[in-house]
Amino acid sequence: MKNQNKIKISVIMPIYKVEKYLDRAIKSVLKQTLNDFELFLVDDGSPDNSGQICDKYKLLDNRVKVIHKKNEGAHIARNICIPLAKGKYVCFFDGDDYIENNMLEDLYILAEKNFATMVVSGFFIETYVGKNKYKIDKYEPVNKVYNQEYEFRKDAYKYFDKNMFYSPWNKIYNLEYIKKNNINFPITYRDDFPFVVSIIRNIKNITFTKKCYYHFERVRIDSETQKYVKNLYDKRIEEHIMICELYKYWNLYDDNNSIDMISRRFIDRVLECIVNLYNNKCDLSNIEKKIEIKKYINSEYFYESFLKAKPKSLHLKIIYIILKTKNIFIISLLAKIIHFVKTNFLNLFINLKTSR
């Protein structure tokens, strides 16, 4: 028990094919100003030298624990460590990212001070735009402490809009809360969002800090955010139903601000699905792509979202007008243009996306 109490935070890092970035990721944790942590490195059957790098750090620092396993995905890697973790709090980092050296200490202090079940911080997204140049975007929530469920739930749409709930890594969580409520990463595509939704579903004490600590690097061509995703639309429908059910559970499905966010979010995801069809890795024929687009824009969810969504930016208003035409040719042309901009003018694409 004495050893358990010494560990303030358990850091869980699933690892797969990240040998180029892994040293930096691990060092950023080991150099933290808070010393009382444990670091789980889960080699998820990585075919490169990631496993050997993990073993190297295990020999150098007794806070490092290494697990080697067959490849099953990040969700399994994380779930294996949750029952093994001994910290009061837990966090989940990726092996190709890195953190500021005061992240753990600052978030731990905030959690203790505010009796927070979860502390959410700002973060950086660093996108490689060519010739060793990076575009760095900051995502910052407002500084806010919530100790009442209803107060947080009424404001939650603001944090969805600021992309605070889509990833697990800009946060620390009370480990007892996770274990008591049997919360795990589900077996689904992009399991991060459902995990965070499970955390906030019944949360009362949550703290936000606008300070940015986590550096998410969007540089890998083979990363999940860059791939063609088969059946992406089905996954987005699954997420949409999830967030709708969350707001119904919160009795906020008639709240105008919340429904506007949900509706805009779904339209944005449908557009993503249409653009996904024009990824170079998509093997559907042009006729099959048009059939898919027709299915997307004729769904009941899409119709309901258009009735309630209020686009904020000029370029988004133009996109809405195009989508409302339901003209498959024009919509497919729009998707091709967006994909072309994303592929060839990434900086412009990011600027347009973040200003939507």
Protein backbone atom coordinates (compact mmCIF):
# COMPACT_ATOMS: atom_id res chain seq x y z
CA MET A 1 0.00 0.00 0.00
CA LYS A 2 2.85 2.35 0.79
CA ASN A 3 4.29 1.88 -2.73
CA GLN A 4 0.88 2.49 -4.28
CA ASN A 5 0.46 5.79 -2.45
CA LYS A 6 3.84 6.99 -3.70
CA ILE A 7 2.74 6.75 -7.32
CA LYS A 8 0.76 9.86 -8.17
CA ILE A 9 0.22 9.24 -11.89
CA SER A 10 0.32 6.15 -14.09
CA VAL A 11 1.30 6.93 -17.68
CA ILE A 12 0.17 4.40 -20.29
CA MET A 13 1.74 4.48 -23.75
CA PRO A 14 0.74 1.98 -26.48
CA ILE A 15 3.52 1.58 -29.04
CA TYR A 16 3.42 0.40 -32.64
CA LYS A 17 5.84 1.29 -35.46
CA VAL A 18 7.06 4.54 -33.90
CA GLU A 19 10.81 3.89 -33.52
CA LYS A 20 11.62 7.22 -35.20
CA TYR A 21 9.75 9.19 -32.52
CA LEU A 22 9.82 6.91 -29.48
CA ASP A 23 13.00 8.17 -27.80
CA ARG A 24 11.64 11.69 -27.72
CA ALA A 25 8.26 10.55 -26.39
CA ILE A 26 9.75 8.50 -23.56
CA LYS A 27 12.31 11.14 -22.60
CA SER A 28 9.59 13.79 -22.39
CA VAL A 29 7.90 11.67 -19.71
CA LEU A 30 11.05 10.74 -17.81
CA LYS A 31 12.09 14.42 -17.63
CA GLN A 32 8.89 15.47 -15.86
CA THR A 33 9.17 17.80 -12.87
CA LEU A 34 6.88 15.40 -11.03
CA ASN A 35 8.90 12.30 -10.17
CA ASP A 36 6.33 10.01 -8.55
CA PHE A 37 4.91 8.31 -11.62
CA GLU A 38 5.07 4.96 -13.39
CA LEU A 39 5.35 4.58 -17.15
CA PHE A 40 3.84 1.59 -18.95
CA LEU A 41 5.35 1.03 -22.40
CA VAL A 42 3.22 -1.48 -24.27
CA ASP A 43 4.98 -2.90 -27.32
CA ASP A 44 1.94 -3.90 -29.37
CA GLY A 45 3.78 -6.41 -31.53
CA SER A 46 5.67 -3.64 -33.31
CA PRO A 47 7.71 -5.02 -36.24
CA ASP A 48 10.40 -2.31 -35.99
CA ASN A 49 12.87 -1.59 -33.17
CA SER A 50 10.29 -0.02 -30.86
CA GLY A 51 10.33 -3.03 -28.52
CA GLN A 52 14.11 -2.85 -28.06
CA ILE A 53 13.88 0.88 -27.34
CA CYS A 54 11.33 0.16 -24.62
CA ASP A 55 13.62 -2.43 -23.04
CA LYS A 56 16.49 0.04 -23.08
CA TYR A 57 14.57 2.51 -20.95
CA LYS A 58 13.39 -0.20 -18.58
CA LEU A 59 17.05 -0.84 -17.72
CA LEU A 60 17.74 2.87 -17.26
CA ASP A 61 14.77 3.83 -15.05
CA ASN A 62 12.89 1.67 -12.55
CA ARG A 63 9.70 3.67 -13.10
CA VAL A 64 9.43 2.14 -16.56
CA LYS A 65 7.41 -1.05 -17.01
CA VAL A 66 7.47 -2.82 -20.38
CA ILE A 67 4.87 -5.18 -21.78
CA HIS A 68 5.46 -7.05 -25.04
CA LYS A 69 2.36 -8.47 -26.71
CA LYS A 70 0.99 -9.45 -30.09
CA ASN A 71 -0.53 -6.71 -32.23
CA GLU A 72 -4.15 -6.13 -31.27
CA GLY A 73 -4.51 -2.36 -31.35
CA ALA A 74 -4.02 0.57 -29.00
CA HIS A 75 -7.31 -0.03 -27.20
CA ILE A 76 -6.23 -3.48 -26.01
CA ALA A 77 -2.78 -2.17 -25.06
CA ARG A 78 -4.33 0.53 -22.89
CA ASN A 79 -6.95 -1.74 -21.36
CA ILE A 80 -4.31 -4.25 -20.26
CA CYS A 81 -2.57 -1.58 -18.19
CA ILE A 82 -5.59 -0.03 -16.46
CA PRO A 83 -5.97 -2.82 -13.83
CA LEU A 84 -2.17 -2.90 -13.37
CA ALA A 85 -1.84 0.84 -12.76
CA LYS A 86 -1.16 2.00 -9.20
CA GLY A 87 -1.34 5.76 -9.52
CA LYS A 88 -4.07 7.96 -8.09
CA TYR A 89 -4.45 9.34 -11.61
CA VAL A 90 -3.84 7.88 -15.04
CA CYS A 91 -3.06 9.40 -18.43
CA PHE A 92 -2.70 8.00 -21.94
CA PHE A 93 0.00 9.23 -24.32
CA ASP A 94 1.00 8.14 -27.83
CA GLY A 95 4.48 6.97 -28.73
CA ASP A 96 4.96 9.44 -31.58
CA ASP A 97 4.06 12.57 -29.57
CA TYR A 98 5.69 14.39 -26.66
CA ILE A 99 4.78 16.54 -23.65
CA GLU A 100 6.04 19.63 -21.84
CA ASN A 101 8.16 18.74 -18.80
CA ASN A 102 5.71 20.24 -16.29
CA MET A 103 2.53 18.62 -17.62
CA LEU A 104 2.15 15.89 -15.02
CA GLU A 105 2.93 18.14 -12.06
CA ASP A 106 0.63 20.96 -13.16
CA LEU A 107 -2.32 18.68 -13.90
CA TYR A 108 -1.78 16.73 -10.68
CA ILE A 109 -1.84 19.96 -8.63
CA LEU A 110 -5.05 21.07 -10.35
CA ALA A 111 -6.69 17.68 -9.79
CA GLU A 112 -5.81 17.69 -6.07
CA LYS A 113 -6.77 21.32 -5.55
CA ASN A 114 -10.17 21.00 -7.24
CA PHE A 115 -10.97 17.35 -6.34
CA ALA A 116 -11.26 16.77 -10.05
CA THR A 117 -12.19 13.46 -11.63
CA MET A 118 -10.61 14.69 -14.85
CA VAL A 119 -8.33 17.61 -15.72
CA VAL A 120 -8.33 18.75 -19.35
CA SER A 121 -5.56 20.92 -20.78
CA GLY A 122 -4.87 22.72 -24.01
CA PHE A 123 -2.63 21.10 -26.61
CA PHE A 124 -0.64 21.72 -29.77
CA ILE A 125 -1.18 20.08 -33.15
CA GLU A 126 2.03 20.21 -35.16
CA THR A 127 1.49 19.44 -38.83
CA TYR A 128 4.34 18.77 -41.21
CA VAL A 129 3.77 20.97 -44.26
CA GLY A 130 6.98 20.18 -46.15
CA LYS A 131 10.69 20.97 -46.22
CA ASN A 132 11.08 20.46 -42.47
CA LYS A 133 8.42 23.06 -41.79
CA TYR A 134 5.63 22.61 -39.27
CA LYS A 135 2.39 24.46 -38.80
CA ILE A 136 1.64 24.69 -35.10
CA ASP A 137 -1.95 25.22 -33.93
CA LYS A 138 -2.93 25.74 -30.30
CA TYR A 139 -6.21 24.38 -28.97
CA GLU A 140 -7.10 26.09 -25.71
CA PRO A 141 -10.14 25.74 -23.48
CA VAL A 142 -10.97 28.49 -21.00
CA ASN A 143 -9.79 28.09 -17.42
CA LYS A 144 -12.80 26.67 -15.62
CA VAL A 145 -13.61 24.49 -12.61
CA TYR A 146 -16.90 22.57 -12.53
CA ASN A 147 -18.28 20.90 -9.44
CA GLN A 148 -21.85 20.43 -10.59
CA GLU A 149 -23.08 18.08 -13.29
CA TYR A 150 -25.67 20.41 -14.81
CA GLU A 151 -23.32 23.39 -15.02
CA PHE A 152 -20.75 21.33 -16.93
CA ARG A 153 -23.31 19.68 -19.19
CA LYS A 154 -24.77 23.03 -20.25
CA ASP A 155 -21.29 24.21 -21.24
CA ALA A 156 -20.03 20.94 -22.73
CA TYR A 157 -20.85 22.00 -26.30
CA LYS A 158 -18.15 24.68 -26.03
CA TYR A 159 -15.51 22.05 -25.29
CA PHE A 160 -16.70 19.78 -28.09
CA ASP A 161 -16.31 22.76 -30.42
CA LYS A 162 -12.78 23.31 -29.12
CA ASN A 163 -11.87 19.63 -29.78
CA MET A 164 -11.28 18.89 -26.10
CA PHE A 165 -13.12 15.55 -25.96
CA TYR A 166 -11.94 13.67 -29.04
CA SER A 167 -8.59 12.39 -27.76
CA PRO A 168 -7.52 10.90 -24.41
CA TRP A 169 -4.04 12.40 -24.25
CA ASN A 170 -4.55 16.02 -23.09
CA LYS A 171 -6.01 14.85 -19.79
CA ILE A 172 -5.44 13.05 -16.52
CA TYR A 173 -8.18 10.91 -15.01
CA ASN A 174 -8.94 9.67 -11.52
CA LEU A 175 -8.04 5.99 -11.76
CA GLU A 176 -10.48 4.88 -9.06
CA TYR A 177 -13.32 6.48 -11.04
CA ILE A 178 -12.32 4.53 -14.15
CA LYS A 179 -12.04 1.22 -12.31
CA LYS A 180 -15.19 1.71 -10.23
CA ASN A 181 -17.24 2.42 -13.37
CA ASN A 182 -15.57 -0.32 -15.45
CA ILE A 183 -14.58 2.16 -18.16
CA ASN A 184 -12.37 0.78 -20.93
CA PHE A 185 -11.39 1.66 -24.47
CA PRO A 186 -13.98 -0.10 -26.67
CA ILE A 187 -13.16 -2.31 -29.62
CA THR A 188 -14.01 0.13 -32.39
CA TYR A 189 -12.35 2.39 -34.93
CA ARG A 190 -10.87 5.46 -33.22
CA ASP A 191 -11.72 4.26 -29.73
CA ASP A 192 -10.57 7.53 -28.08
CA PHE A 193 -13.84 9.41 -28.43
CA PRO A 194 -16.11 6.69 -26.96
CA PHE A 195 -13.72 6.36 -24.01
CA VAL A 196 -13.87 10.08 -23.21
CA VAL A 197 -17.66 10.09 -23.64
CA SER A 198 -17.85 7.29 -21.06
CA ILE A 199 -15.78 9.41 -18.67
CA ILE A 200 -17.88 12.58 -19.00
CA ARG A 201 -21.27 10.82 -19.04
CA ASN A 202 -21.69 11.03 -15.25
CA ILE A 203 -18.83 13.30 -14.30
CA LYS A 204 -19.37 16.03 -11.72
CA ASN A 205 -15.92 17.42 -10.96
CA ILE A 206 -13.95 18.46 -14.03
CA THR A 207 -11.27 21.13 -14.43
CA PHE A 208 -10.06 22.85 -17.60
CA THR A 209 -6.80 24.73 -18.04
CA LYS A 210 -5.92 26.71 -21.14
CA LYS A 211 -2.22 25.95 -20.71
CA CYS A 212 -0.95 23.72 -23.53
CA TYR A 213 1.29 20.76 -22.69
CA TYR A 214 0.72 17.98 -25.21
CA HIS A 215 2.30 18.03 -28.67
CA PHE A 216 0.33 15.96 -31.15
CA GLU A 217 2.38 15.53 -34.32
CA ARG A 218 0.52 15.04 -37.56
CA VAL A 219 3.54 14.01 -39.61
CA ARG A 220 3.21 10.30 -40.33
CA ILE A 221 1.85 9.43 -43.76
CA ASP A 222 0.66 6.08 -42.37
CA SER A 223 -1.01 7.58 -39.29
CA GLU A 224 -4.68 6.92 -38.62
CA THR A 225 -5.60 10.50 -39.50
CA GLN A 226 -4.15 10.20 -43.03
CA LYS A 227 -5.39 6.79 -44.19
CA TYR A 228 -8.31 5.92 -46.39
CA VAL A 229 -10.85 4.42 -44.01
CA LYS A 230 -13.21 1.77 -45.27
CA ASN A 231 -16.73 2.02 -43.83
CA LEU A 232 -15.92 5.43 -42.32
CA TYR A 233 -19.54 6.51 -42.69
CA ASP A 234 -20.76 3.64 -40.51
CA LYS A 235 -18.30 4.70 -37.80
CA ARG A 236 -19.43 8.32 -37.99
CA ILE A 237 -23.07 7.26 -37.69
CA GLU A 238 -22.11 5.23 -34.64
CA GLU A 239 -20.45 8.29 -33.08
CA HIS A 240 -23.39 10.53 -33.95
CA ILE A 241 -25.84 8.19 -32.26
CA MET A 242 -23.51 8.07 -29.26
CA ILE A 243 -23.36 11.84 -28.81
CA CYS A 244 -27.13 12.19 -29.38
CA GLU A 245 -27.78 9.57 -26.72
CA LEU A 246 -25.39 11.37 -24.37
CA TYR A 247 -27.33 14.62 -24.68
CA LYS A 248 -30.64 12.82 -24.29
CA TYR A 249 -29.28 11.23 -21.12
CA TRP A 250 -28.27 14.72 -19.95
CA ASN A 251 -31.79 16.01 -20.76
CA LEU A 252 -30.25 18.62 -23.03
CA TYR A 253 -31.47 17.41 -26.41
CA ASP A 254 -33.67 20.49 -26.66
CA ASP A 255 -30.87 22.92 -25.81
CA ASN A 256 -30.25 25.09 -28.87
CA ASN A 257 -26.50 25.52 -28.39
CA SER A 258 -25.94 21.81 -27.80
CA ILE A 259 -28.06 20.69 -30.76
CA ASP A 260 -26.36 23.23 -33.03
CA MET A 261 -22.97 21.76 -32.09
CA ILE A 262 -24.17 18.18 -32.62
CA SER A 263 -25.67 19.08 -36.01
CA ARG A 264 -22.63 21.00 -37.26
CA ARG A 265 -20.40 18.17 -36.06
CA PHE A 266 -22.39 15.57 -38.02
CA ILE A 267 -22.41 17.59 -41.25
CA ASP A 268 -18.66 18.05 -40.90
CA ARG A 269 -18.24 14.29 -40.46
CA VAL A 270 -20.39 13.55 -43.51
CA LEU A 271 -18.25 15.89 -45.58
CA GLU A 272 -15.19 14.05 -44.24
CA CYS A 273 -16.74 10.76 -45.40
CA ILE A 274 -17.37 12.15 -48.87
CA VAL A 275 -13.79 13.43 -49.17
CA ASN A 276 -12.58 10.06 -47.90
CA LEU A 277 -14.09 8.46 -51.02
CA TYR A 278 -11.61 10.41 -53.15
CA ASN A 279 -8.56 9.26 -51.21
CA ASN A 280 -6.11 7.62 -53.64
CA LYS A 281 -6.42 4.34 -51.73
CA CYS A 282 -10.17 4.08 -52.28
CA ASP A 283 -10.89 1.35 -54.83
CA LEU A 284 -14.57 2.14 -55.41
CA SER A 285 -15.64 2.99 -58.94
CA ASN A 286 -17.02 6.46 -59.73
CA ILE A 287 -20.53 5.02 -59.88
CA GLU A 288 -20.07 3.35 -56.49
CA LYS A 289 -18.76 6.60 -55.01
CA LYS A 290 -21.81 8.49 -56.22
CA ILE A 291 -24.09 5.83 -54.75
CA GLU A 292 -22.31 6.28 -51.42
CA ILE A 293 -22.65 10.07 -51.56
CA LYS A 294 -26.35 9.74 -52.31
CA LYS A 295 -26.75 7.47 -49.29
CA TYR A 296 -24.97 9.96 -47.03
CA ILE A 297 -26.91 13.06 -48.04
CA ASN A 298 -30.32 11.37 -48.09
CA SER A 299 -30.10 9.99 -44.57
CA GLU A 300 -32.54 11.13 -41.90
CA TYR A 301 -29.63 12.22 -39.70
CA PHE A 302 -28.30 14.48 -42.44
CA TYR A 303 -31.70 16.09 -43.01
CA GLU A 304 -32.25 16.73 -39.29
CA SER A 305 -28.77 18.19 -38.92
CA PHE A 306 -29.31 20.68 -41.72
CA LEU A 307 -32.48 21.94 -40.04
CA LYS A 308 -30.62 22.72 -36.82
CA ALA A 309 -27.04 23.57 -37.77
CA LYS A 310 -25.81 27.15 -37.94
CA PRO A 311 -22.51 27.40 -39.87
CA LYS A 312 -20.12 29.96 -38.38
CA SER A 313 -17.72 30.79 -41.21
CA LEU A 314 -18.24 32.01 -44.78
CA HIS A 315 -16.55 29.02 -46.42
CA LEU A 316 -18.64 26.65 -44.32
CA LYS A 317 -21.82 28.47 -45.36
CA ILE A 318 -20.80 27.98 -48.99
CA ILE A 319 -20.18 24.27 -48.37
CA TYR A 320 -23.62 23.96 -46.74
CA ILE A 321 -25.25 25.57 -49.78
CA ILE A 322 -23.51 23.06 -52.06
CA LEU A 323 -24.50 20.11 -49.88
CA LYS A 324 -28.11 21.30 -49.71
CA THR A 325 -28.38 21.14 -53.50
CA LYS A 326 -27.99 17.35 -53.24
CA ASN A 327 -26.45 17.53 -56.70
CA ILE A 328 -24.12 14.52 -56.75
CA PHE A 329 -21.92 15.92 -59.50
CA ILE A 330 -21.34 19.25 -57.72
CA ILE A 331 -20.81 17.57 -54.34
CA SER A 332 -18.31 15.09 -55.78
CA LEU A 333 -16.49 17.99 -57.43
CA LEU A 334 -16.37 19.78 -54.07
CA ALA A 335 -14.92 16.63 -52.46
CA LYS A 336 -12.25 16.37 -55.15
CA ILE A 337 -11.28 20.00 -54.63
CA ILE A 338 -11.06 19.55 -50.84
CA HIS A 339 -8.96 16.42 -51.26
CA PHE A 340 -6.68 18.21 -53.72
CA VAL A 341 -6.19 21.12 -51.30
CA LYS A 342 -5.58 18.72 -48.41
CA THR A 343 -2.99 16.79 -50.44
CA ASN A 344 -1.19 19.69 -52.08
CA PHE A 345 -1.84 22.73 -49.88
CA LEU A 346 -2.00 21.28 -46.39
CA ASN A 347 -1.34 24.61 -44.69
CA LEU A 348 -4.34 26.20 -46.42
CA PHE A 349 -6.51 23.17 -45.66
CA ILE A 350 -5.69 23.35 -41.95
CA ASN A 351 -6.35 27.10 -41.83
CA LEU A 352 -9.77 26.59 -43.40
CA LYS A 353 -10.60 23.65 -41.14
CA THR A 354 -9.59 25.33 -37.89
CA SER A 355 -11.54 28.49 -38.80
CA ARG A 356 -14.76 26.69 -39.59
